[in-house]
Amino acid sequence: SGEHEISLKTGHNIQEMLDKTIFDTYFIVVKGHNWSFTNEKGGTFLIDKESFTLKTEDKTVHFDVVFNALHG
């Protein structure tokens, strides 16, 4: 919907406010059935919803917590 861009901005604002000395943050975009993370190099990686992990080219991230931000 038209609220998609606003939701992304809200998510980025929340991510910026979190204390990086405490949290490793990953901005995950949920769009339909695709849950993805794009790193600073532009590489995009899908979330494994079965194991709730993110596999990048150099590591596997096991998530502890999710902060959902949604509009619309």
N, C-alpha and C. Protein backbone atom coordinates (compact mmCIF):
# COMPACT_ATOMS: atom_id res chain seq x y z
N SER A 1 0.84 -1.19 0.00
CA SER A 1 0.00 0.00 0.00
C SER A 1 0.88 1.24 0.00
N GLY A 2 0.24 2.38 -0.01
CA GLY A 2 0.96 3.64 0.04
C GLY A 2 1.68 3.86 1.35
N GLU A 3 1.34 3.07 2.36
CA GLU A 3 1.98 3.20 3.67
C GLU A 3 3.33 2.48 3.73
N HIS A 4 3.67 1.74 2.70
CA HIS A 4 4.91 0.96 2.70
C HIS A 4 6.14 1.83 2.96
N GLU A 5 6.26 2.91 2.24
CA GLU A 5 7.44 3.79 2.41
C GLU A 5 7.48 4.41 3.79
N ILE A 6 6.31 4.75 4.34
CA ILE A 6 6.26 5.32 5.69
C ILE A 6 6.70 4.27 6.71
N SER A 7 6.27 3.01 6.51
CA SER A 7 6.69 1.93 7.41
C SER A 7 8.20 1.75 7.37
N LEU A 8 8.80 1.83 6.18
CA LEU A 8 10.25 1.70 6.07
C LEU A 8 10.95 2.84 6.81
N LYS A 9 10.45 4.06 6.66
CA LYS A 9 11.06 5.20 7.37
C LYS A 9 10.96 5.02 8.87
N THR A 10 9.80 4.56 9.34
CA THR A 10 9.62 4.32 10.77
C THR A 10 10.61 3.28 11.26
N GLY A 11 10.75 2.19 10.51
CA GLY A 11 11.70 1.14 10.88
C GLY A 11 13.12 1.65 10.95
N HIS A 12 13.52 2.46 9.98
CA HIS A 12 14.88 3.01 9.98
C HIS A 12 15.07 3.95 11.17
N ASN A 13 14.05 4.73 11.50
CA ASN A 13 14.15 5.62 12.67
C ASN A 13 14.32 4.82 13.95
N ILE A 14 13.55 3.74 14.09
CA ILE A 14 13.67 2.89 15.27
C ILE A 14 15.06 2.28 15.33
N GLN A 15 15.55 1.77 14.21
CA GLN A 15 16.87 1.17 14.16
C GLN A 15 17.94 2.16 14.58
N GLU A 16 17.84 3.40 14.13
CA GLU A 16 18.81 4.42 14.48
C GLU A 16 18.80 4.75 15.97
N MET A 17 17.64 4.62 16.61
CA MET A 17 17.50 4.97 18.03
C MET A 17 18.02 3.87 18.96
N LEU A 18 18.14 2.65 18.47
CA LEU A 18 18.60 1.55 19.33
C LEU A 18 20.09 1.69 19.61
N ASP A 19 20.48 1.35 20.81
CA ASP A 19 21.87 1.46 21.25
C ASP A 19 22.71 0.37 20.58
N LYS A 20 23.60 0.78 19.69
CA LYS A 20 24.42 -0.16 18.92
C LYS A 20 25.48 -0.84 19.78
N THR A 21 25.73 -0.33 21.00
CA THR A 21 26.67 -1.01 21.89
C THR A 21 26.00 -2.19 22.58
N ILE A 22 24.69 -2.25 22.51
CA ILE A 22 23.93 -3.34 23.12
C ILE A 22 23.35 -4.28 22.07
N PHE A 23 22.87 -3.71 20.94
CA PHE A 23 22.15 -4.48 19.94
C PHE A 23 22.86 -4.50 18.59
N ASP A 24 22.88 -5.67 17.96
CA ASP A 24 23.24 -5.79 16.55
C ASP A 24 21.91 -5.78 15.81
N THR A 25 21.71 -4.79 14.96
CA THR A 25 20.41 -4.66 14.29
C THR A 25 20.51 -5.07 12.83
N TYR A 26 19.41 -5.62 12.34
CA TYR A 26 19.28 -6.03 10.94
C TYR A 26 17.92 -5.55 10.47
N PHE A 27 17.91 -4.72 9.45
CA PHE A 27 16.67 -4.17 8.92
C PHE A 27 16.08 -5.18 7.95
N ILE A 28 15.02 -5.85 8.37
CA ILE A 28 14.37 -6.89 7.57
C ILE A 28 13.12 -6.30 6.94
N VAL A 29 13.02 -6.42 5.63
CA VAL A 29 11.84 -5.95 4.91
C VAL A 29 10.93 -7.15 4.65
N VAL A 30 9.69 -7.03 5.11
CA VAL A 30 8.69 -8.07 4.88
C VAL A 30 7.77 -7.58 3.78
N LYS A 31 7.78 -8.27 2.66
CA LYS A 31 6.95 -7.88 1.52
C LYS A 31 6.35 -9.16 0.94
N GLY A 32 5.08 -9.36 1.21
CA GLY A 32 4.44 -10.60 0.80
C GLY A 32 5.05 -11.76 1.56
N HIS A 33 5.46 -12.79 0.84
CA HIS A 33 6.08 -13.96 1.47
C HIS A 33 7.59 -13.81 1.62
N ASN A 34 8.16 -12.75 1.05
CA ASN A 34 9.61 -12.55 1.11
C ASN A 34 9.99 -11.70 2.32
N TRP A 35 10.87 -12.23 3.12
CA TRP A 35 11.48 -11.50 4.23
C TRP A 35 12.95 -11.39 3.87
N SER A 36 13.46 -10.18 3.71
CA SER A 36 14.83 -10.04 3.23
C SER A 36 15.61 -8.97 3.97
N PHE A 37 16.92 -9.14 3.94
CA PHE A 37 17.88 -8.20 4.50
C PHE A 37 18.83 -7.80 3.38
N THR A 38 19.09 -6.50 3.25
CA THR A 38 20.06 -6.01 2.28
C THR A 38 21.22 -5.39 3.04
N ASN A 39 22.43 -5.89 2.80
CA ASN A 39 23.58 -5.35 3.53
C ASN A 39 24.09 -4.07 2.87
N GLU A 40 25.11 -3.47 3.48
CA GLU A 40 25.64 -2.19 3.00
C GLU A 40 26.31 -2.30 1.64
N LYS A 41 26.66 -3.52 1.21
CA LYS A 41 27.25 -3.73 -0.11
C LYS A 41 26.19 -3.94 -1.19
N GLY A 42 24.91 -3.99 -0.78
CA GLY A 42 23.83 -4.19 -1.73
C GLY A 42 23.42 -5.64 -1.92
N GLY A 43 24.06 -6.55 -1.19
CA GLY A 43 23.67 -7.96 -1.26
C GLY A 43 22.38 -8.19 -0.50
N THR A 44 21.46 -8.93 -1.10
CA THR A 44 20.18 -9.21 -0.47
C THR A 44 20.10 -10.68 -0.10
N PHE A 45 19.63 -10.95 1.12
CA PHE A 45 19.58 -12.30 1.67
C PHE A 45 18.19 -12.53 2.25
N LEU A 46 17.63 -13.70 1.99
CA LEU A 46 16.31 -14.05 2.50
C LEU A 46 16.42 -14.63 3.91
N ILE A 47 15.42 -14.37 4.72
CA ILE A 47 15.33 -14.94 6.05
C ILE A 47 14.81 -16.36 5.93
N ASP A 48 15.44 -17.30 6.63
CA ASP A 48 14.93 -18.66 6.70
C ASP A 48 13.87 -18.67 7.79
N LYS A 49 12.60 -18.71 7.40
CA LYS A 49 11.51 -18.63 8.36
C LYS A 49 11.34 -19.90 9.18
N GLU A 50 11.87 -21.01 8.70
CA GLU A 50 11.80 -22.26 9.47
C GLU A 50 12.70 -22.20 10.71
N SER A 51 13.91 -21.70 10.52
CA SER A 51 14.86 -21.63 11.64
C SER A 51 15.00 -20.22 12.20
N PHE A 52 14.30 -19.26 11.59
CA PHE A 52 14.37 -17.85 11.96
C PHE A 52 15.82 -17.38 12.01
N THR A 53 16.53 -17.60 10.88
CA THR A 53 17.93 -17.19 10.76
C THR A 53 18.14 -16.41 9.47
N LEU A 54 19.24 -15.70 9.47
CA LEU A 54 19.68 -14.95 8.31
C LEU A 54 21.08 -15.46 7.96
N LYS A 55 21.24 -15.98 6.75
CA LYS A 55 22.55 -16.45 6.31
C LYS A 55 23.08 -15.47 5.27
N THR A 56 24.19 -14.82 5.61
CA THR A 56 24.86 -13.91 4.67
C THR A 56 26.07 -14.65 4.11
N GLU A 57 26.90 -13.94 3.34
CA GLU A 57 28.05 -14.62 2.76
C GLU A 57 29.10 -14.99 3.80
N ASP A 58 29.05 -14.35 4.99
CA ASP A 58 30.10 -14.64 5.97
C ASP A 58 29.62 -15.09 7.34
N LYS A 59 28.30 -15.15 7.57
CA LYS A 59 27.84 -15.60 8.89
C LYS A 59 26.37 -16.00 8.86
N THR A 60 25.96 -16.66 9.93
CA THR A 60 24.56 -16.99 10.15
C THR A 60 24.11 -16.27 11.41
N VAL A 61 23.03 -15.51 11.31
CA VAL A 61 22.50 -14.75 12.44
C VAL A 61 21.27 -15.47 12.97
N HIS A 62 21.27 -15.74 14.28
CA HIS A 62 20.11 -16.30 14.97
C HIS A 62 19.47 -15.16 15.75
N PHE A 63 18.25 -14.82 15.40
CA PHE A 63 17.58 -13.67 16.02
C PHE A 63 17.05 -14.02 17.40
N ASP A 64 17.17 -13.04 18.30
CA ASP A 64 16.63 -13.17 19.66
C ASP A 64 15.32 -12.43 19.81
N VAL A 65 15.20 -11.31 19.11
CA VAL A 65 14.07 -10.40 19.31
C VAL A 65 13.70 -9.76 18.00
N VAL A 66 12.43 -9.42 17.86
CA VAL A 66 11.94 -8.70 16.68
C VAL A 66 11.20 -7.47 17.16
N PHE A 67 11.44 -6.36 16.48
CA PHE A 67 10.70 -5.13 16.74
C PHE A 67 9.95 -4.82 15.45
N ASN A 68 8.65 -5.08 15.44
CA ASN A 68 7.84 -4.84 14.25
C ASN A 68 7.38 -3.39 14.19
N ALA A 69 7.47 -2.80 13.02
CA ALA A 69 6.94 -1.44 12.77
C ALA A 69 6.04 -1.53 11.55
N LEU A 70 4.80 -1.10 11.69
CA LEU A 70 3.82 -1.28 10.64
C LEU A 70 2.87 -0.09 10.61
N HIS A 71 2.51 0.34 9.41
CA HIS A 71 1.53 1.40 9.22
C HIS A 71 0.46 0.89 8.25
N GLY A 72 -0.68 1.50 8.28
CA GLY A 72 -1.70 1.20 7.27
C GLY A 72 -2.80 0.29 7.70
